[in-house]
Amino acid sequence: MKKMIKRRKGFTLIEVLAALAIIVVLTLALILMVKGQVDQANKKDNRLLEQTVNAQIEVQMDDTGTSDKVTITNIGDLRDEGFISAKQYEQLSDKHAKFKTSSDGVPQVDIP
């Protein structure tokens, strides 16, 4: 008479490790994809902030005339003169925005 071998039901160690490896690879791929999307959103946010502030400055300069162009030498002056809000100043400072003057003398910001 043959002996009946009892087989346990369940997964082997190799099967569990293979499943874990697949989960880790998929998780890493997801993290990299999300990080790329966040970086892309931050770049768009920076570009939009820069465009908004530069448009505000241009409109304000047109309204006040050319005499104010001489008094503005940095981003803090833009805030002090009312060209940008305190919140915009904080955002520009956090993003290490640079102050520059265009060829026609209008102050502008540049976010790297």
N, C-alpha and C. Protein backbone atom coordinates (compact mmCIF):
# COMPACT_ATOMS: atom_id res chain seq x y z
N MET A 1 0.82 -1.16 0.00
CA MET A 1 0.00 0.00 0.00
C MET A 1 0.88 1.25 0.00
N LYS A 2 0.51 2.19 -0.82
CA LYS A 2 1.29 3.41 -0.91
C LYS A 2 0.91 4.35 0.21
N LYS A 3 1.96 5.03 0.67
CA LYS A 3 1.70 6.03 1.72
C LYS A 3 1.16 7.29 1.07
N MET A 4 0.17 7.87 1.65
CA MET A 4 -0.37 9.13 1.17
C MET A 4 0.44 10.26 1.82
N ILE A 5 0.97 11.11 0.97
CA ILE A 5 1.73 12.25 1.47
C ILE A 5 0.77 13.42 1.60
N LYS A 6 0.78 13.98 2.77
CA LYS A 6 -0.06 15.15 3.00
C LYS A 6 0.63 16.38 2.43
N ARG A 7 -0.07 17.11 1.63
CA ARG A 7 0.46 18.36 1.08
C ARG A 7 -0.21 19.51 1.79
N ARG A 8 0.61 20.42 2.19
CA ARG A 8 0.05 21.63 2.81
C ARG A 8 -0.39 22.60 1.74
N LYS A 9 -1.46 23.26 2.00
CA LYS A 9 -1.92 24.26 1.07
C LYS A 9 -1.30 25.59 1.48
N GLY A 10 -0.83 26.36 0.52
CA GLY A 10 -0.23 27.66 0.80
C GLY A 10 0.81 27.99 -0.24
N PHE A 11 1.49 29.09 0.01
CA PHE A 11 2.49 29.56 -0.93
C PHE A 11 3.88 29.20 -0.44
N THR A 12 4.77 28.97 -1.38
CA THR A 12 6.15 28.71 -1.01
C THR A 12 6.85 30.06 -0.78
N LEU A 13 8.00 30.00 -0.20
CA LEU A 13 8.76 31.22 0.07
C LEU A 13 9.13 31.92 -1.24
N ILE A 14 9.46 31.18 -2.25
CA ILE A 14 9.82 31.75 -3.55
C ILE A 14 8.64 32.51 -4.15
N GLU A 15 7.46 31.97 -4.05
CA GLU A 15 6.27 32.63 -4.59
C GLU A 15 5.98 33.94 -3.85
N VAL A 16 6.13 33.93 -2.57
CA VAL A 16 5.90 35.14 -1.77
C VAL A 16 6.94 36.20 -2.11
N LEU A 17 8.20 35.80 -2.23
CA LEU A 17 9.26 36.76 -2.58
C LEU A 17 9.06 37.33 -3.98
N ALA A 18 8.62 36.51 -4.92
CA ALA A 18 8.36 36.99 -6.28
C ALA A 18 7.22 38.01 -6.27
N ALA A 19 6.17 37.74 -5.53
CA ALA A 19 5.05 38.69 -5.42
C ALA A 19 5.50 39.99 -4.79
N LEU A 20 6.31 39.89 -3.76
CA LEU A 20 6.85 41.10 -3.10
C LEU A 20 7.71 41.91 -4.04
N ALA A 21 8.53 41.24 -4.83
CA ALA A 21 9.40 41.95 -5.78
C ALA A 21 8.56 42.70 -6.81
N ILE A 22 7.50 42.08 -7.29
CA ILE A 22 6.62 42.74 -8.26
C ILE A 22 5.96 43.96 -7.63
N ILE A 23 5.51 43.83 -6.41
CA ILE A 23 4.88 44.96 -5.71
C ILE A 23 5.87 46.11 -5.54
N VAL A 24 7.11 45.81 -5.18
CA VAL A 24 8.13 46.84 -5.00
C VAL A 24 8.42 47.55 -6.32
N VAL A 25 8.56 46.81 -7.40
CA VAL A 25 8.84 47.42 -8.71
C VAL A 25 7.69 48.32 -9.14
N LEU A 26 6.46 47.87 -8.97
CA LEU A 26 5.31 48.69 -9.34
C LEU A 26 5.21 49.95 -8.47
N THR A 27 5.52 49.83 -7.19
CA THR A 27 5.49 50.98 -6.29
C THR A 27 6.54 52.01 -6.68
N LEU A 28 7.74 51.55 -7.00
CA LEU A 28 8.79 52.48 -7.43
C LEU A 28 8.42 53.19 -8.73
N ALA A 29 7.82 52.46 -9.66
CA ALA A 29 7.39 53.07 -10.92
C ALA A 29 6.33 54.14 -10.65
N LEU A 30 5.41 53.85 -9.75
CA LEU A 30 4.37 54.82 -9.40
C LEU A 30 4.96 56.06 -8.74
N ILE A 31 5.91 55.88 -7.84
CA ILE A 31 6.55 57.01 -7.16
C ILE A 31 7.28 57.89 -8.17
N LEU A 32 8.01 57.29 -9.08
CA LEU A 32 8.73 58.08 -10.09
C LEU A 32 7.77 58.84 -11.00
N MET A 33 6.65 58.22 -11.35
CA MET A 33 5.68 58.87 -12.21
C MET A 33 5.04 60.07 -11.48
N VAL A 34 4.68 59.89 -10.23
CA VAL A 34 4.07 60.97 -9.45
C VAL A 34 5.07 62.10 -9.25
N LYS A 35 6.32 61.77 -8.97
CA LYS A 35 7.34 62.80 -8.79
C LYS A 35 7.51 63.63 -10.06
N GLY A 36 7.50 62.98 -11.21
CA GLY A 36 7.60 63.70 -12.48
C GLY A 36 6.43 64.65 -12.68
N GLN A 37 5.23 64.20 -12.32
CA GLN A 37 4.05 65.05 -12.46
C GLN A 37 4.11 66.25 -11.52
N VAL A 38 4.61 66.03 -10.30
CA VAL A 38 4.74 67.13 -9.33
C VAL A 38 5.77 68.14 -9.82
N ASP A 39 6.90 67.67 -10.34
CA ASP A 39 7.92 68.58 -10.88
C ASP A 39 7.37 69.40 -12.04
N GLN A 40 6.61 68.76 -12.91
CA GLN A 40 6.03 69.45 -14.05
C GLN A 40 5.01 70.50 -13.58
N ALA A 41 4.22 70.18 -12.58
CA ALA A 41 3.25 71.14 -12.04
C ALA A 41 3.95 72.33 -11.40
N ASN A 42 5.06 72.08 -10.70
CA ASN A 42 5.81 73.17 -10.08
C ASN A 42 6.40 74.11 -11.13
N LYS A 43 6.89 73.55 -12.22
CA LYS A 43 7.44 74.39 -13.31
C LYS A 43 6.35 75.28 -13.91
N LYS A 44 5.17 74.70 -14.12
CA LYS A 44 4.06 75.49 -14.66
C LYS A 44 3.65 76.58 -13.67
N ASP A 45 3.62 76.24 -12.39
CA ASP A 45 3.27 77.21 -11.35
C ASP A 45 4.27 78.37 -11.35
N ASN A 46 5.54 78.06 -11.44
CA ASN A 46 6.58 79.10 -11.48
C ASN A 46 6.41 80.00 -12.70
N ARG A 47 6.17 79.39 -13.86
CA ARG A 47 6.02 80.16 -15.09
C ARG A 47 4.79 81.08 -15.01
N LEU A 48 3.69 80.56 -14.47
CA LEU A 48 2.48 81.37 -14.35
C LEU A 48 2.65 82.50 -13.35
N LEU A 49 3.33 82.25 -12.24
CA LEU A 49 3.59 83.30 -11.26
C LEU A 49 4.45 84.40 -11.89
N GLU A 50 5.47 84.00 -12.61
CA GLU A 50 6.36 84.96 -13.27
C GLU A 50 5.58 85.81 -14.28
N GLN A 51 4.75 85.17 -15.11
CA GLN A 51 3.97 85.89 -16.11
C GLN A 51 2.97 86.84 -15.45
N THR A 52 2.32 86.38 -14.37
CA THR A 52 1.34 87.22 -13.68
C THR A 52 1.99 88.45 -13.08
N VAL A 53 3.10 88.26 -12.39
CA VAL A 53 3.78 89.39 -11.74
C VAL A 53 4.30 90.36 -12.79
N ASN A 54 4.89 89.86 -13.86
CA ASN A 54 5.41 90.75 -14.90
C ASN A 54 4.28 91.53 -15.58
N ALA A 55 3.12 90.89 -15.76
CA ALA A 55 1.97 91.60 -16.35
C ALA A 55 1.47 92.68 -15.39
N GLN A 56 1.42 92.36 -14.09
CA GLN A 56 1.01 93.35 -13.09
C GLN A 56 1.94 94.56 -13.11
N ILE A 57 3.22 94.30 -13.18
CA ILE A 57 4.21 95.38 -13.17
C ILE A 57 4.00 96.26 -14.41
N GLU A 58 3.82 95.62 -15.56
CA GLU A 58 3.64 96.38 -16.80
C GLU A 58 2.41 97.26 -16.74
N VAL A 59 1.30 96.71 -16.26
CA VAL A 59 0.06 97.48 -16.16
C VAL A 59 0.23 98.64 -15.19
N GLN A 60 0.84 98.35 -14.06
CA GLN A 60 1.07 99.40 -13.04
C GLN A 60 1.97 100.50 -13.59
N MET A 61 2.99 100.12 -14.34
CA MET A 61 3.90 101.12 -14.90
C MET A 61 3.17 101.99 -15.93
N ASP A 62 2.30 101.39 -16.71
CA ASP A 62 1.53 102.16 -17.68
C ASP A 62 0.59 103.15 -16.97
N ASP A 63 0.02 102.71 -15.85
CA ASP A 63 -0.90 103.57 -15.11
C ASP A 63 -0.20 104.72 -14.40
N THR A 64 1.01 104.47 -13.88
CA THR A 64 1.70 105.49 -13.08
C THR A 64 2.66 106.34 -13.89
N GLY A 65 3.04 105.92 -15.07
CA GLY A 65 4.00 106.68 -15.87
C GLY A 65 5.40 106.15 -15.68
N THR A 66 6.35 106.79 -16.32
CA THR A 66 7.73 106.28 -16.34
C THR A 66 8.57 106.77 -15.16
N SER A 67 8.10 107.68 -14.37
CA SER A 67 8.93 108.24 -13.29
C SER A 67 9.23 107.21 -12.19
N ASP A 68 8.34 106.23 -12.01
CA ASP A 68 8.55 105.24 -10.95
C ASP A 68 9.59 104.20 -11.31
N LYS A 69 10.00 104.12 -12.57
CA LYS A 69 10.96 103.10 -12.99
C LYS A 69 12.29 103.23 -12.28
N VAL A 70 12.67 104.42 -11.92
CA VAL A 70 13.98 104.66 -11.33
C VAL A 70 14.04 104.18 -9.89
N THR A 71 12.94 104.25 -9.15
CA THR A 71 12.96 103.94 -7.72
C THR A 71 12.95 102.44 -7.42
N ILE A 72 12.64 101.60 -8.38
CA ILE A 72 12.52 100.17 -8.13
C ILE A 72 13.82 99.48 -8.51
N THR A 73 14.46 98.85 -7.52
CA THR A 73 15.74 98.20 -7.77
C THR A 73 15.77 96.73 -7.34
N ASN A 74 14.72 96.26 -6.66
CA ASN A 74 14.68 94.86 -6.25
C ASN A 74 13.24 94.43 -6.01
N ILE A 75 13.06 93.16 -5.69
CA ILE A 75 11.71 92.62 -5.51
C ILE A 75 11.02 93.24 -4.30
N GLY A 76 11.79 93.57 -3.27
CA GLY A 76 11.22 94.22 -2.10
C GLY A 76 10.62 95.57 -2.44
N ASP A 77 11.26 96.30 -3.35
CA ASP A 77 10.72 97.59 -3.79
C ASP A 77 9.39 97.41 -4.53
N LEU A 78 9.27 96.33 -5.28
CA LEU A 78 8.01 96.05 -5.97
C LEU A 78 6.88 95.89 -4.96
N ARG A 79 7.16 95.20 -3.86
CA ARG A 79 6.16 95.02 -2.81
C ARG A 79 5.87 96.34 -2.12
N ASP A 80 6.92 97.08 -1.78
CA ASP A 80 6.75 98.34 -1.07
C ASP A 80 5.98 99.38 -1.88
N GLU A 81 6.16 99.36 -3.20
CA GLU A 81 5.49 100.32 -4.08
C GLU A 81 4.09 99.86 -4.47
N GLY A 82 3.70 98.65 -4.06
CA GLY A 82 2.35 98.16 -4.34
C GLY A 82 2.18 97.48 -5.68
N PHE A 83 3.28 97.14 -6.32
CA PHE A 83 3.20 96.44 -7.61
C PHE A 83 2.80 94.98 -7.42
N ILE A 84 3.25 94.37 -6.34
CA ILE A 84 2.91 92.99 -6.03
C ILE A 84 2.43 92.90 -4.59
N SER A 85 1.69 91.85 -4.30
CA SER A 85 1.18 91.66 -2.93
C SER A 85 2.25 91.03 -2.04
N ALA A 86 1.98 91.04 -0.75
CA ALA A 86 2.91 90.43 0.20
C ALA A 86 3.02 88.92 -0.05
N LYS A 87 1.89 88.30 -0.40
CA LYS A 87 1.91 86.86 -0.68
C LYS A 87 2.76 86.56 -1.92
N GLN A 88 2.61 87.38 -2.95
CA GLN A 88 3.44 87.20 -4.15
C GLN A 88 4.91 87.40 -3.82
N TYR A 89 5.20 88.38 -2.97
CA TYR A 89 6.59 88.60 -2.56
C TYR A 89 7.14 87.36 -1.87
N GLU A 90 6.35 86.76 -0.97
CA GLU A 90 6.79 85.54 -0.27
C GLU A 90 7.04 84.41 -1.25
N GLN A 91 6.11 84.25 -2.21
CA GLN A 91 6.28 83.18 -3.20
C GLN A 91 7.53 83.41 -4.05
N LEU A 92 7.74 84.65 -4.46
CA LEU A 92 8.93 84.95 -5.26
C LEU A 92 10.20 84.73 -4.46
N SER A 93 10.18 85.09 -3.18
CA SER A 93 11.35 84.88 -2.33
C SER A 93 11.63 83.40 -2.14
N ASP A 94 10.56 82.62 -1.92
CA ASP A 94 10.71 81.17 -1.74
C ASP A 94 11.27 80.50 -2.98
N LYS A 95 10.93 81.03 -4.14
CA LYS A 95 11.38 80.44 -5.40
C LYS A 95 12.68 81.06 -5.91
N HIS A 96 13.29 81.92 -5.08
CA HIS A 96 14.56 82.57 -5.40
C HIS A 96 14.50 83.34 -6.72
N ALA A 97 13.42 84.11 -6.87
CA ALA A 97 13.24 84.90 -8.08
C ALA A 97 14.29 86.00 -8.15
N LYS A 98 14.66 86.32 -9.37
CA LYS A 98 15.67 87.36 -9.59
C LYS A 98 15.00 88.59 -10.19
N PHE A 99 15.50 89.75 -9.81
CA PHE A 99 14.99 91.01 -10.33
C PHE A 99 15.83 91.40 -11.53
N LYS A 100 15.17 91.88 -12.57
CA LYS A 100 15.91 92.36 -13.73
C LYS A 100 15.13 93.53 -14.34
N THR A 101 15.79 94.28 -15.17
CA THR A 101 15.15 95.39 -15.87
C THR A 101 15.22 95.12 -17.36
N SER A 102 14.08 95.24 -18.04
CA SER A 102 14.05 94.99 -19.48
C SER A 102 14.73 96.12 -20.22
N SER A 103 14.88 95.94 -21.52
CA SER A 103 15.57 96.95 -22.34
C SER A 103 14.85 98.30 -22.35
N ASP A 104 13.52 98.27 -22.15
CA ASP A 104 12.78 99.54 -22.14
C ASP A 104 12.62 100.11 -20.72
N GLY A 105 13.33 99.55 -19.75
CA GLY A 105 13.36 100.11 -18.40
C GLY A 105 12.28 99.59 -17.46
N VAL A 106 11.49 98.63 -17.91
CA VAL A 106 10.44 98.09 -17.06
C VAL A 106 11.02 96.97 -16.19
N PRO A 107 10.82 97.07 -14.87
CA PRO A 107 11.31 96.01 -14.00
C PRO A 107 10.55 94.70 -14.24
N GLN A 108 11.25 93.58 -14.12
CA GLN A 108 10.66 92.27 -14.31
C GLN A 108 11.26 91.30 -13.31
N VAL A 109 10.57 90.20 -13.09
CA VAL A 109 11.10 89.12 -12.25
C VAL A 109 11.37 87.92 -13.14
N ASP A 110 12.32 87.11 -12.72
CA ASP A 110 12.70 85.90 -13.44
C ASP A 110 12.83 84.78 -12.43
N ILE A 111 12.04 83.72 -12.60
CA ILE A 111 12.11 82.58 -11.70
C ILE A 111 12.89 81.48 -12.41
N PRO A 112 14.03 81.10 -11.85
CA PRO A 112 14.86 80.07 -12.51
C PRO A 112 14.19 78.70 -12.52
